[in-house]
Amino acid sequence: RPDTKARLSLLQQQLRDQAADLSRLAAAKAPPDQRATAFGEMGKLLLAVESFADAEACFLNASELNPSDSRWDYYLGHVYRSQGQSGKAAAYFERTLKARPDDVAALVWLGNAYLDQGRAVEAGPLFARALALDARAAAAHVGLGRVALAARDYLGAVEHLEAALMLNRNASSVHYLLAAAYRGAGKTELADAHLRLRGAVQIGPPDPLL
């Protein structure tokens, strides 16, 4: 498609420009924070095209050059999350939250990483804090719904998952979780109805950096 080719062409040019900027800053022996930003910008482009190993290298360089900039730890969390490495992802989201304890996106992503490791008890307070900071964070309701499912609190799961759908009707993946919650609560007709509506659209938190 023409629009896809145009986007790819633009991205390739951005990568070339960013590589040239890195070379220029290295040759000029620019201050570490400037080189860190250049590595970070390259990493963001590589993350967008799912070149995870190269993005990881860029963000690690950025973090080493400017450890006070928590953005690079945050992006490293996403590099590892995207590859299913929940332990590494959690470690970097934890580092992000030490620097920015009220970051709603980092709270949700860390909660999800804990859930992926079977640490539902630790995940719950993270989602609750995210909701306290942003009552419209549908992804935090999904997280609390998953926490409730893990505890077999099926009515609690229904409450949070229905709230998530109220905030984002397009999040079709929530229907599968709701089906499990309603089935656990003994409401099989509602479970079957939601199972028929299940899809693949996920909910992410409000995330300015992504």
N, C-alpha and C. Protein backbone atom coordinates (compact mmCIF):
# COMPACT_ATOMS: atom_id res chain seq x y z
N ARG A 1 0.84 -1.20 0.00
CA ARG A 1 0.00 0.00 0.00
C ARG A 1 0.87 1.25 0.00
N PRO A 2 0.46 2.28 -0.75
CA PRO A 2 1.28 3.50 -0.82
C PRO A 2 1.55 4.14 0.53
N ASP A 3 0.52 4.19 1.41
CA ASP A 3 0.72 4.85 2.70
C ASP A 3 1.71 4.07 3.56
N THR A 4 1.69 2.72 3.48
CA THR A 4 2.64 1.90 4.23
C THR A 4 4.05 2.13 3.72
N LYS A 5 4.22 2.18 2.41
CA LYS A 5 5.54 2.43 1.84
C LYS A 5 6.07 3.80 2.25
N ALA A 6 5.18 4.77 2.29
CA ALA A 6 5.59 6.13 2.69
C ALA A 6 6.05 6.14 4.14
N ARG A 7 5.32 5.42 5.02
CA ARG A 7 5.71 5.38 6.42
C ARG A 7 7.05 4.69 6.60
N LEU A 8 7.25 3.59 5.85
CA LEU A 8 8.51 2.86 5.94
C LEU A 8 9.67 3.72 5.45
N SER A 9 9.43 4.45 4.37
CA SER A 9 10.46 5.32 3.82
C SER A 9 10.83 6.41 4.83
N LEU A 10 9.81 6.98 5.47
CA LEU A 10 10.05 8.02 6.47
C LEU A 10 10.84 7.46 7.65
N LEU A 11 10.47 6.26 8.10
CA LEU A 11 11.16 5.65 9.23
C LEU A 11 12.62 5.36 8.89
N GLN A 12 12.86 4.85 7.67
CA GLN A 12 14.24 4.58 7.26
C GLN A 12 15.07 5.87 7.26
N GLN A 13 14.45 6.95 6.79
CA GLN A 13 15.16 8.23 6.79
C GLN A 13 15.44 8.71 8.21
N GLN A 14 14.47 8.51 9.11
CA GLN A 14 14.67 8.90 10.51
C GLN A 14 15.82 8.12 11.14
N LEU A 15 15.89 6.82 10.83
CA LEU A 15 16.97 6.00 11.36
C LEU A 15 18.32 6.47 10.84
N ARG A 16 18.39 6.78 9.54
CA ARG A 16 19.64 7.28 8.97
C ARG A 16 20.04 8.61 9.61
N ASP A 17 19.06 9.49 9.78
CA ASP A 17 19.34 10.80 10.38
C ASP A 17 19.83 10.65 11.83
N GLN A 18 19.20 9.74 12.56
CA GLN A 18 19.59 9.56 13.95
C GLN A 18 20.98 8.93 14.05
N ALA A 19 21.29 8.00 13.15
CA ALA A 19 22.63 7.40 13.14
C ALA A 19 23.68 8.46 12.83
N ALA A 20 23.35 9.35 11.90
CA ALA A 20 24.29 10.43 11.57
C ALA A 20 24.48 11.36 12.76
N ASP A 21 23.41 11.62 13.49
CA ASP A 21 23.50 12.48 14.66
C ASP A 21 24.38 11.85 15.73
N LEU A 22 24.25 10.54 15.93
CA LEU A 22 25.10 9.85 16.89
C LEU A 22 26.57 9.96 16.52
N SER A 23 26.86 9.75 15.23
CA SER A 23 28.25 9.85 14.76
C SER A 23 28.80 11.26 14.96
N ARG A 24 27.98 12.25 14.66
CA ARG A 24 28.41 13.64 14.80
C ARG A 24 28.72 13.97 16.26
N LEU A 25 27.84 13.53 17.17
CA LEU A 25 28.04 13.84 18.59
C LEU A 25 29.27 13.12 19.14
N ALA A 26 29.49 11.88 18.68
CA ALA A 26 30.66 11.13 19.13
C ALA A 26 31.94 11.81 18.65
N ALA A 27 31.96 12.23 17.38
CA ALA A 27 33.14 12.89 16.82
C ALA A 27 33.42 14.21 17.53
N ALA A 28 32.36 14.90 17.92
CA ALA A 28 32.52 16.20 18.58
C ALA A 28 32.76 16.07 20.09
N LYS A 29 32.79 14.82 20.57
CA LYS A 29 32.95 14.56 22.00
C LYS A 29 31.93 15.38 22.81
N ALA A 30 30.67 15.25 22.39
CA ALA A 30 29.58 15.99 23.02
C ALA A 30 29.38 15.53 24.47
N PRO A 31 28.75 16.37 25.31
CA PRO A 31 28.49 16.00 26.70
C PRO A 31 27.67 14.69 26.79
N PRO A 32 27.85 13.93 27.86
CA PRO A 32 27.16 12.64 27.99
C PRO A 32 25.64 12.73 27.86
N ASP A 33 25.02 13.80 28.41
CA ASP A 33 23.56 13.87 28.35
C ASP A 33 23.07 14.03 26.91
N GLN A 34 23.83 14.74 26.07
CA GLN A 34 23.45 14.89 24.66
C GLN A 34 23.57 13.56 23.93
N ARG A 35 24.64 12.84 24.19
CA ARG A 35 24.80 11.54 23.54
C ARG A 35 23.76 10.55 24.05
N ALA A 36 23.42 10.66 25.33
CA ALA A 36 22.38 9.79 25.89
C ALA A 36 21.05 10.01 25.17
N THR A 37 20.70 11.26 24.97
CA THR A 37 19.44 11.57 24.27
C THR A 37 19.46 11.03 22.85
N ALA A 38 20.59 11.15 22.18
CA ALA A 38 20.68 10.63 20.81
C ALA A 38 20.52 9.11 20.79
N PHE A 39 21.18 8.42 21.72
CA PHE A 39 21.01 6.97 21.81
C PHE A 39 19.55 6.62 22.12
N GLY A 40 18.95 7.38 23.03
CA GLY A 40 17.56 7.11 23.40
C GLY A 40 16.60 7.30 22.25
N GLU A 41 16.80 8.35 21.46
CA GLU A 41 15.93 8.58 20.30
C GLU A 41 16.08 7.47 19.27
N MET A 42 17.32 7.00 19.07
CA MET A 42 17.51 5.86 18.17
C MET A 42 16.82 4.62 18.72
N GLY A 43 16.93 4.41 20.03
CA GLY A 43 16.27 3.26 20.65
C GLY A 43 14.77 3.28 20.47
N LYS A 44 14.17 4.47 20.56
CA LYS A 44 12.72 4.58 20.38
C LYS A 44 12.30 4.17 18.97
N LEU A 45 13.08 4.58 17.98
CA LEU A 45 12.77 4.18 16.60
C LEU A 45 12.90 2.67 16.44
N LEU A 46 13.94 2.10 17.02
CA LEU A 46 14.16 0.66 16.90
C LEU A 46 13.10 -0.13 17.66
N LEU A 47 12.66 0.41 18.80
CA LEU A 47 11.57 -0.25 19.54
C LEU A 47 10.30 -0.24 18.72
N ALA A 48 10.06 0.85 18.00
CA ALA A 48 8.84 0.97 17.19
C ALA A 48 8.80 -0.08 16.08
N VAL A 49 9.97 -0.47 15.57
CA VAL A 49 10.00 -1.47 14.49
C VAL A 49 10.32 -2.86 15.04
N GLU A 50 10.27 -2.99 16.37
CA GLU A 50 10.45 -4.28 17.05
C GLU A 50 11.83 -4.88 16.81
N SER A 51 12.83 -4.02 16.67
CA SER A 51 14.22 -4.47 16.62
C SER A 51 14.74 -4.42 18.05
N PHE A 52 14.33 -5.41 18.84
CA PHE A 52 14.48 -5.31 20.29
C PHE A 52 15.94 -5.35 20.76
N ALA A 53 16.76 -6.20 20.16
CA ALA A 53 18.15 -6.29 20.60
C ALA A 53 18.88 -4.97 20.38
N ASP A 54 18.65 -4.35 19.22
CA ASP A 54 19.30 -3.08 18.92
C ASP A 54 18.74 -1.96 19.81
N ALA A 55 17.43 -1.98 20.04
CA ALA A 55 16.83 -0.98 20.93
C ALA A 55 17.39 -1.12 22.34
N GLU A 56 17.52 -2.36 22.81
CA GLU A 56 18.09 -2.60 24.14
C GLU A 56 19.48 -1.99 24.26
N ALA A 57 20.33 -2.21 23.26
CA ALA A 57 21.69 -1.68 23.29
C ALA A 57 21.68 -0.15 23.37
N CYS A 58 20.80 0.47 22.59
CA CYS A 58 20.71 1.94 22.61
C CYS A 58 20.27 2.46 23.96
N PHE A 59 19.23 1.85 24.54
CA PHE A 59 18.73 2.34 25.83
C PHE A 59 19.74 2.08 26.96
N LEU A 60 20.46 0.97 26.89
CA LEU A 60 21.49 0.71 27.89
C LEU A 60 22.60 1.76 27.81
N ASN A 61 22.99 2.11 26.60
CA ASN A 61 23.98 3.18 26.43
C ASN A 61 23.46 4.50 26.98
N ALA A 62 22.19 4.81 26.65
CA ALA A 62 21.60 6.07 27.12
C ALA A 62 21.56 6.11 28.64
N SER A 63 21.16 4.99 29.25
CA SER A 63 21.06 4.93 30.71
C SER A 63 22.43 5.06 31.36
N GLU A 64 23.45 4.47 30.75
CA GLU A 64 24.81 4.56 31.30
C GLU A 64 25.34 5.99 31.20
N LEU A 65 25.05 6.66 30.08
CA LEU A 65 25.54 8.02 29.88
C LEU A 65 24.81 9.04 30.74
N ASN A 66 23.52 8.77 31.00
CA ASN A 66 22.73 9.72 31.80
C ASN A 66 21.77 8.94 32.70
N PRO A 67 22.30 8.36 33.79
CA PRO A 67 21.46 7.52 34.65
C PRO A 67 20.35 8.28 35.37
N SER A 68 20.42 9.60 35.40
CA SER A 68 19.38 10.38 36.08
C SER A 68 18.11 10.52 35.25
N ASP A 69 18.17 10.16 33.96
CA ASP A 69 17.00 10.26 33.09
C ASP A 69 16.26 8.92 33.11
N SER A 70 15.15 8.88 33.83
CA SER A 70 14.43 7.61 34.04
C SER A 70 13.72 7.10 32.79
N ARG A 71 13.65 7.91 31.75
CA ARG A 71 12.99 7.46 30.52
C ARG A 71 13.64 6.19 29.97
N TRP A 72 14.96 6.11 30.09
CA TRP A 72 15.65 4.98 29.45
C TRP A 72 15.38 3.69 30.20
N ASP A 73 15.27 3.75 31.52
CA ASP A 73 14.85 2.56 32.27
C ASP A 73 13.43 2.14 31.87
N TYR A 74 12.57 3.14 31.68
CA TYR A 74 11.18 2.84 31.30
C TYR A 74 11.12 2.13 29.95
N TYR A 75 11.86 2.66 28.99
CA TYR A 75 11.85 2.02 27.67
C TYR A 75 12.49 0.63 27.71
N LEU A 76 13.52 0.45 28.54
CA LEU A 76 14.09 -0.89 28.68
C LEU A 76 13.04 -1.86 29.24
N GLY A 77 12.21 -1.38 30.16
CA GLY A 77 11.12 -2.22 30.64
C GLY A 77 10.24 -2.70 29.50
N HIS A 78 9.96 -1.81 28.55
CA HIS A 78 9.12 -2.20 27.42
C HIS A 78 9.84 -3.12 26.45
N VAL A 79 11.14 -2.94 26.29
CA VAL A 79 11.91 -3.87 25.45
C VAL A 79 11.76 -5.29 25.98
N TYR A 80 11.93 -5.44 27.30
CA TYR A 80 11.85 -6.78 27.89
C TYR A 80 10.41 -7.28 27.96
N ARG A 81 9.46 -6.38 28.22
CA ARG A 81 8.05 -6.78 28.23
C ARG A 81 7.63 -7.32 26.87
N SER A 82 8.08 -6.66 25.82
CA SER A 82 7.69 -7.06 24.46
C SER A 82 8.25 -8.42 24.08
N GLN A 83 9.30 -8.85 24.78
CA GLN A 83 9.90 -10.15 24.50
C GLN A 83 9.48 -11.22 25.51
N GLY A 84 8.51 -10.87 26.38
CA GLY A 84 8.02 -11.83 27.35
C GLY A 84 8.95 -12.07 28.52
N GLN A 85 9.92 -11.17 28.73
CA GLN A 85 10.86 -11.31 29.85
C GLN A 85 10.34 -10.50 31.04
N SER A 86 9.34 -11.05 31.71
CA SER A 86 8.63 -10.27 32.73
C SER A 86 9.51 -9.93 33.92
N GLY A 87 10.48 -10.78 34.26
CA GLY A 87 11.36 -10.49 35.38
C GLY A 87 12.21 -9.26 35.12
N LYS A 88 12.84 -9.20 33.94
CA LYS A 88 13.65 -8.04 33.58
C LYS A 88 12.78 -6.80 33.43
N ALA A 89 11.61 -6.97 32.81
CA ALA A 89 10.70 -5.83 32.64
C ALA A 89 10.33 -5.26 34.00
N ALA A 90 9.99 -6.12 34.94
CA ALA A 90 9.60 -5.66 36.28
C ALA A 90 10.74 -4.88 36.93
N ALA A 91 11.97 -5.36 36.78
CA ALA A 91 13.10 -4.68 37.42
C ALA A 91 13.25 -3.25 36.91
N TYR A 92 13.06 -3.06 35.61
CA TYR A 92 13.23 -1.72 35.06
C TYR A 92 12.03 -0.82 35.33
N PHE A 93 10.83 -1.40 35.38
CA PHE A 93 9.68 -0.58 35.78
C PHE A 93 9.78 -0.19 37.25
N GLU A 94 10.34 -1.06 38.08
CA GLU A 94 10.57 -0.71 39.48
C GLU A 94 11.53 0.47 39.59
N ARG A 95 12.59 0.42 38.78
CA ARG A 95 13.55 1.54 38.78
C ARG A 95 12.87 2.83 38.32
N THR A 96 11.99 2.72 37.34
CA THR A 96 11.26 3.90 36.88
C THR A 96 10.44 4.51 38.00
N LEU A 97 9.75 3.65 38.75
CA LEU A 97 8.87 4.14 39.81
C LEU A 97 9.64 4.73 40.99
N LYS A 98 10.88 4.31 41.19
CA LYS A 98 11.69 4.95 42.23
C LYS A 98 11.93 6.41 41.88
N ALA A 99 12.09 6.67 40.58
CA ALA A 99 12.31 8.05 40.13
C ALA A 99 11.00 8.81 39.97
N ARG A 100 9.94 8.10 39.55
CA ARG A 100 8.65 8.76 39.29
C ARG A 100 7.53 7.93 39.93
N PRO A 101 7.35 8.04 41.26
CA PRO A 101 6.40 7.16 41.95
C PRO A 101 4.94 7.36 41.54
N ASP A 102 4.60 8.47 40.91
CA ASP A 102 3.21 8.72 40.50
C ASP A 102 3.00 8.50 39.01
N ASP A 103 3.87 7.76 38.37
CA ASP A 103 3.74 7.48 36.94
C ASP A 103 2.70 6.38 36.73
N VAL A 104 1.51 6.76 36.25
CA VAL A 104 0.40 5.81 36.12
C VAL A 104 0.77 4.67 35.17
N ALA A 105 1.39 4.99 34.05
CA ALA A 105 1.74 3.94 33.08
C ALA A 105 2.71 2.94 33.69
N ALA A 106 3.74 3.42 34.37
CA ALA A 106 4.71 2.51 34.97
C ALA A 106 4.06 1.64 36.05
N LEU A 107 3.13 2.21 36.81
CA LEU A 107 2.42 1.42 37.82
C LEU A 107 1.65 0.27 37.17
N VAL A 108 0.96 0.56 36.07
CA VAL A 108 0.17 -0.49 35.40
C VAL A 108 1.07 -1.53 34.77
N TRP A 109 2.13 -1.08 34.08
CA TRP A 109 3.01 -2.05 33.42
C TRP A 109 3.73 -2.93 34.44
N LEU A 110 4.11 -2.35 35.58
CA LEU A 110 4.74 -3.17 36.62
C LEU A 110 3.73 -4.16 37.19
N GLY A 111 2.50 -3.70 37.41
CA GLY A 111 1.46 -4.61 37.88
C GLY A 111 1.25 -5.77 36.92
N ASN A 112 1.23 -5.48 35.62
CA ASN A 112 1.07 -6.54 34.63
C ASN A 112 2.25 -7.51 34.66
N ALA A 113 3.46 -6.96 34.83
CA ALA A 113 4.64 -7.83 34.90
C ALA A 113 4.56 -8.75 36.12
N TYR A 114 4.10 -8.20 37.25
CA TYR A 114 3.93 -9.04 38.44
C TYR A 114 2.88 -10.13 38.20
N LEU A 115 1.78 -9.77 37.55
CA LEU A 115 0.75 -10.78 37.26
C LEU A 115 1.32 -11.89 36.37
N ASP A 116 2.13 -11.51 35.41
CA ASP A 116 2.73 -12.51 34.52
C ASP A 116 3.65 -13.46 35.29
N GLN A 117 4.15 -13.00 36.44
CA GLN A 117 5.01 -13.85 37.27
C GLN A 117 4.23 -14.56 38.38
N GLY A 118 2.90 -14.40 38.38
CA GLY A 118 2.08 -15.03 39.41
C GLY A 118 2.11 -14.30 40.74
N ARG A 119 2.45 -13.00 40.70
CA ARG A 119 2.57 -12.20 41.93
C ARG A 119 1.36 -11.26 42.07
N ALA A 120 0.18 -11.85 42.08
CA ALA A 120 -1.05 -11.05 42.07
C ALA A 120 -1.19 -10.20 43.33
N VAL A 121 -0.77 -10.71 44.47
CA VAL A 121 -0.91 -9.96 45.72
C VAL A 121 -0.10 -8.67 45.66
N GLU A 122 1.08 -8.73 45.06
CA GLU A 122 1.91 -7.52 44.93
C GLU A 122 1.39 -6.60 43.83
N ALA A 123 0.72 -7.15 42.83
CA ALA A 123 0.22 -6.34 41.72
C ALA A 123 -0.96 -5.48 42.14
N GLY A 124 -1.82 -5.99 43.00
CA GLY A 124 -3.05 -5.29 43.36
C GLY A 124 -2.85 -3.85 43.81
N PRO A 125 -1.96 -3.58 44.77
CA PRO A 125 -1.77 -2.19 45.22
C PRO A 125 -1.27 -1.25 44.13
N LEU A 126 -0.54 -1.78 43.16
CA LEU A 126 -0.05 -0.94 42.06
C LEU A 126 -1.22 -0.46 41.20
N PHE A 127 -2.12 -1.38 40.87
CA PHE A 127 -3.29 -0.99 40.07
C PHE A 127 -4.19 -0.03 40.85
N ALA A 128 -4.36 -0.30 42.14
CA ALA A 128 -5.19 0.57 42.97
C ALA A 128 -4.61 1.98 43.02
N ARG A 129 -3.28 2.08 43.12
CA ARG A 129 -2.65 3.40 43.14
C ARG A 129 -2.82 4.10 41.79
N ALA A 130 -2.69 3.34 40.71
CA ALA A 130 -2.88 3.93 39.38
C ALA A 130 -4.28 4.51 39.24
N LEU A 131 -5.28 3.79 39.74
CA LEU A 131 -6.67 4.28 39.67
C LEU A 131 -6.87 5.51 40.56
N ALA A 132 -6.20 5.53 41.70
CA ALA A 132 -6.32 6.70 42.58
C ALA A 132 -5.76 7.95 41.91
N LEU A 133 -4.75 7.75 41.07
CA LEU A 133 -4.13 8.87 40.36
C LEU A 133 -4.91 9.25 39.10
N ASP A 134 -5.53 8.25 38.47
CA ASP A 134 -6.29 8.49 37.23
C ASP A 134 -7.49 7.56 37.20
N ALA A 135 -8.65 8.08 37.57
CA ALA A 135 -9.87 7.26 37.68
C ALA A 135 -10.33 6.71 36.34
N ARG A 136 -9.80 7.23 35.23
CA ARG A 136 -10.21 6.75 33.91
C ARG A 136 -9.18 5.78 33.30
N ALA A 137 -8.28 5.30 34.11
CA ALA A 137 -7.27 4.35 33.62
C ALA A 137 -7.89 2.96 33.53
N ALA A 138 -8.50 2.67 32.39
CA ALA A 138 -9.20 1.40 32.21
C ALA A 138 -8.28 0.21 32.42
N ALA A 139 -7.01 0.35 32.02
CA ALA A 139 -6.07 -0.76 32.17
C ALA A 139 -5.86 -1.14 33.63
N ALA A 140 -5.99 -0.16 34.53
CA ALA A 140 -5.86 -0.46 35.96
C ALA A 140 -7.05 -1.29 36.44
N HIS A 141 -8.24 -1.01 35.91
CA HIS A 141 -9.40 -1.84 36.24
C HIS A 141 -9.21 -3.26 35.72
N VAL A 142 -8.67 -3.40 34.53
CA VAL A 142 -8.40 -4.75 34.00
C VAL A 142 -7.43 -5.47 34.93
N GLY A 143 -6.38 -4.77 35.35
CA GLY A 143 -5.42 -5.39 36.26
C GLY A 143 -6.06 -5.84 37.55
N LEU A 144 -6.91 -5.00 38.14
CA LEU A 144 -7.60 -5.39 39.38
C LEU A 144 -8.57 -6.53 39.13
N GLY A 145 -9.15 -6.57 37.93
CA GLY A 145 -10.01 -7.70 37.57
C GLY A 145 -9.22 -9.00 37.53
N ARG A 146 -8.02 -8.95 36.96
CA ARG A 146 -7.17 -10.14 36.91
C ARG A 146 -6.71 -10.56 38.30
N VAL A 147 -6.42 -9.57 39.15
CA VAL A 147 -6.05 -9.87 40.53
C VAL A 147 -7.20 -10.58 41.24
N ALA A 148 -8.41 -10.07 41.05
CA ALA A 148 -9.59 -10.69 41.68
C ALA A 148 -9.82 -12.10 41.15
N LEU A 149 -9.63 -12.30 39.85
CA LEU A 149 -9.78 -13.65 39.29
C LEU A 149 -8.78 -14.62 39.92
N ALA A 150 -7.55 -14.15 40.11
CA ALA A 150 -6.53 -15.01 40.71
C ALA A 150 -6.92 -15.41 42.14
N ALA A 151 -7.65 -14.51 42.82
CA ALA A 151 -8.09 -14.78 44.19
C ALA A 151 -9.46 -15.47 44.23
N ARG A 152 -10.01 -15.77 43.06
CA ARG A 152 -11.35 -16.37 42.94
C ARG A 152 -12.44 -15.48 43.52
N ASP A 153 -12.17 -14.20 43.50
CA ASP A 153 -13.19 -13.21 43.88
C ASP A 153 -13.91 -12.81 42.59
N TYR A 154 -14.85 -13.65 42.17
CA TYR A 154 -15.43 -13.50 40.84
C TYR A 154 -16.32 -12.26 40.72
N LEU A 155 -17.05 -11.93 41.78
CA LEU A 155 -17.89 -10.74 41.71
C LEU A 155 -17.02 -9.47 41.69
N GLY A 156 -15.94 -9.48 42.43
CA GLY A 156 -15.01 -8.35 42.38
C GLY A 156 -14.40 -8.21 41.00
N ALA A 157 -14.09 -9.34 40.38
CA ALA A 157 -13.53 -9.31 39.02
C ALA A 157 -14.54 -8.73 38.04
N VAL A 158 -15.80 -9.14 38.16
CA VAL A 158 -16.84 -8.62 37.28
C VAL A 158 -16.94 -7.10 37.42
N GLU A 159 -16.91 -6.62 38.65
CA GLU A 159 -17.04 -5.18 38.89
C GLU A 159 -15.95 -4.39 38.16
N HIS A 160 -14.72 -4.83 38.30
CA HIS A 160 -13.61 -4.09 37.68
C HIS A 160 -13.59 -4.26 36.16
N LEU A 161 -13.88 -5.44 35.68
CA LEU A 161 -13.82 -5.67 34.24
C LEU A 161 -14.96 -4.95 33.52
N GLU A 162 -16.14 -4.91 34.14
CA GLU A 162 -17.24 -4.15 33.54
C GLU A 162 -16.90 -2.65 33.54
N ALA A 163 -16.25 -2.19 34.62
CA ALA A 163 -15.82 -0.78 34.66
C ALA A 163 -14.83 -0.47 33.55
N ALA A 164 -13.93 -1.41 33.28
CA ALA A 164 -12.96 -1.22 32.19
C ALA A 164 -13.66 -1.09 30.85
N LEU A 165 -14.67 -1.93 30.63
CA LEU A 165 -15.41 -1.87 29.36
C LEU A 165 -16.22 -0.59 29.25
N MET A 166 -16.72 -0.10 30.35
CA MET A 166 -17.45 1.17 30.32
C MET A 166 -16.53 2.31 29.87
N LEU A 167 -15.27 2.22 30.28
CA LEU A 167 -14.30 3.26 29.93
C LEU A 167 -13.76 3.09 28.51
N ASN A 168 -13.73 1.85 28.03
CA ASN A 168 -13.19 1.58 26.70
C ASN A 168 -13.95 0.40 26.08
N ARG A 169 -14.98 0.72 25.31
CA ARG A 169 -15.83 -0.30 24.71
C ARG A 169 -15.11 -1.12 23.64
N ASN A 170 -13.99 -0.59 23.12
CA ASN A 170 -13.29 -1.29 22.05
C ASN A 170 -12.36 -2.39 22.55
N ALA A 171 -12.18 -2.47 23.84
CA ALA A 171 -11.22 -3.43 24.41
C ALA A 171 -11.81 -4.83 24.43
N SER A 172 -11.82 -5.47 23.27
CA SER A 172 -12.54 -6.74 23.13
C SER A 172 -11.89 -7.88 23.92
N SER A 173 -10.60 -7.76 24.26
CA SER A 173 -9.95 -8.83 25.02
C SER A 173 -10.54 -8.97 26.43
N VAL A 174 -11.16 -7.90 26.93
CA VAL A 174 -11.74 -7.93 28.27
C VAL A 174 -12.91 -8.91 28.35
N HIS A 175 -13.58 -9.14 27.22
CA HIS A 175 -14.73 -10.05 27.24
C HIS A 175 -14.34 -11.47 27.65
N TYR A 176 -13.14 -11.89 27.26
CA TYR A 176 -12.70 -13.24 27.65
C TYR A 176 -12.54 -13.33 29.17
N LEU A 177 -11.95 -12.30 29.77
CA LEU A 177 -11.80 -12.28 31.22
C LEU A 177 -13.16 -12.21 31.91
N LEU A 178 -14.06 -11.42 31.34
CA LEU A 178 -15.40 -11.33 31.93
C LEU A 178 -16.14 -12.66 31.84
N ALA A 179 -15.94 -13.38 30.75
CA ALA A 179 -16.56 -14.69 30.63
C ALA A 179 -16.09 -15.60 31.76
N ALA A 180 -14.79 -15.57 32.06
CA ALA A 180 -14.26 -16.40 33.14
C ALA A 180 -14.83 -15.95 34.49
N ALA A 181 -14.96 -14.64 34.68
CA ALA A 181 -15.48 -14.13 35.94
C ALA A 181 -16.95 -14.52 36.14
N TYR A 182 -17.75 -14.34 35.08
CA TYR A 182 -19.17 -14.70 35.20
C TYR A 182 -19.34 -16.22 35.37
N ARG A 183 -18.51 -16.99 34.71
CA ARG A 183 -18.62 -18.45 34.87
C ARG A 183 -18.27 -18.83 36.31
N GLY A 184 -17.24 -18.21 36.85
CA GLY A 184 -16.88 -18.49 38.24
C GLY A 184 -17.97 -18.09 39.21
N ALA A 185 -18.72 -17.04 38.85
CA ALA A 185 -19.83 -16.57 39.71
C ALA A 185 -21.11 -17.37 39.49
N GLY A 186 -21.05 -18.35 38.59
CA GLY A 186 -22.21 -19.19 38.33
C GLY A 186 -23.22 -18.61 37.36
N LYS A 187 -22.86 -17.54 36.64
CA LYS A 187 -23.77 -16.89 35.70
C LYS A 187 -23.37 -17.30 34.27
N THR A 188 -23.77 -18.51 33.92
CA THR A 188 -23.27 -19.11 32.68
C THR A 188 -23.78 -18.41 31.42
N GLU A 189 -25.01 -17.89 31.46
CA GLU A 189 -25.54 -17.23 30.27
C GLU A 189 -24.73 -15.97 29.96
N LEU A 190 -24.42 -15.19 30.98
CA LEU A 190 -23.60 -14.00 30.78
C LEU A 190 -22.19 -14.39 30.35
N ALA A 191 -21.67 -15.48 30.91
CA ALA A 191 -20.34 -15.96 30.53
C ALA A 191 -20.31 -16.30 29.04
N ASP A 192 -21.33 -17.01 28.56
CA ASP A 192 -21.37 -17.40 27.15
C ASP A 192 -21.51 -16.17 26.25
N ALA A 193 -22.29 -15.20 26.69
CA ALA A 193 -22.47 -13.98 25.90
C ALA A 193 -21.15 -13.23 25.73
N HIS A 194 -20.39 -13.11 26.79
CA HIS A 194 -19.10 -12.41 26.70
C HIS A 194 -18.08 -13.22 25.92
N LEU A 195 -18.17 -14.53 26.03
CA LEU A 195 -17.23 -15.37 25.28
C LEU A 195 -17.40 -15.17 23.78
N ARG A 196 -18.65 -14.96 23.35
CA ARG A 196 -18.91 -14.74 21.92
C ARG A 196 -18.37 -13.38 21.46
N LEU A 197 -18.19 -12.46 22.39
CA LEU A 197 -17.72 -11.11 22.04
C LEU A 197 -16.20 -10.95 22.16
N ARG A 198 -15.53 -12.00 22.57
CA ARG A 198 -14.08 -11.88 22.83
C ARG A 198 -13.32 -11.50 21.56
N GLY A 199 -12.24 -10.76 21.77
CA GLY A 199 -11.40 -10.35 20.65
C GLY A 199 -9.97 -10.16 21.11
N ALA A 200 -9.19 -9.48 20.29
CA ALA A 200 -7.76 -9.36 20.58
C ALA A 200 -7.33 -7.96 20.98
N VAL A 201 -8.25 -7.00 21.03
CA VAL A 201 -7.87 -5.62 21.32
C VAL A 201 -7.59 -5.46 22.82
N GLN A 202 -6.34 -5.09 23.13
CA GLN A 202 -5.92 -4.93 24.52
C GLN A 202 -6.09 -3.48 24.98
N ILE A 203 -6.09 -3.29 26.30
CA ILE A 203 -6.11 -1.95 26.88
C ILE A 203 -4.74 -1.65 27.46
N GLY A 204 -4.17 -0.52 27.08
CA GLY A 204 -2.95 -0.04 27.70
C GLY A 204 -3.27 1.18 28.55
N PRO A 205 -2.39 1.54 29.47
CA PRO A 205 -2.63 2.72 30.30
C PRO A 205 -2.35 4.00 29.53
N PRO A 206 -2.80 5.15 30.02
CA PRO A 206 -2.39 6.42 29.43
C PRO A 206 -0.86 6.49 29.47
N ASP A 207 -0.22 6.69 28.32
CA ASP A 207 1.23 6.49 28.25
C ASP A 207 1.88 7.52 27.34
N PRO A 208 2.14 8.71 27.82
CA PRO A 208 2.72 9.76 26.96
C PRO A 208 4.03 9.37 26.32
N LEU A 209 4.87 8.61 27.01
CA LEU A 209 6.18 8.25 26.45
C LEU A 209 6.07 7.29 25.28
N LEU A 210 5.05 6.44 25.28
CA LEU A 210 4.88 5.52 24.15
C LEU A 210 4.08 6.15 23.04
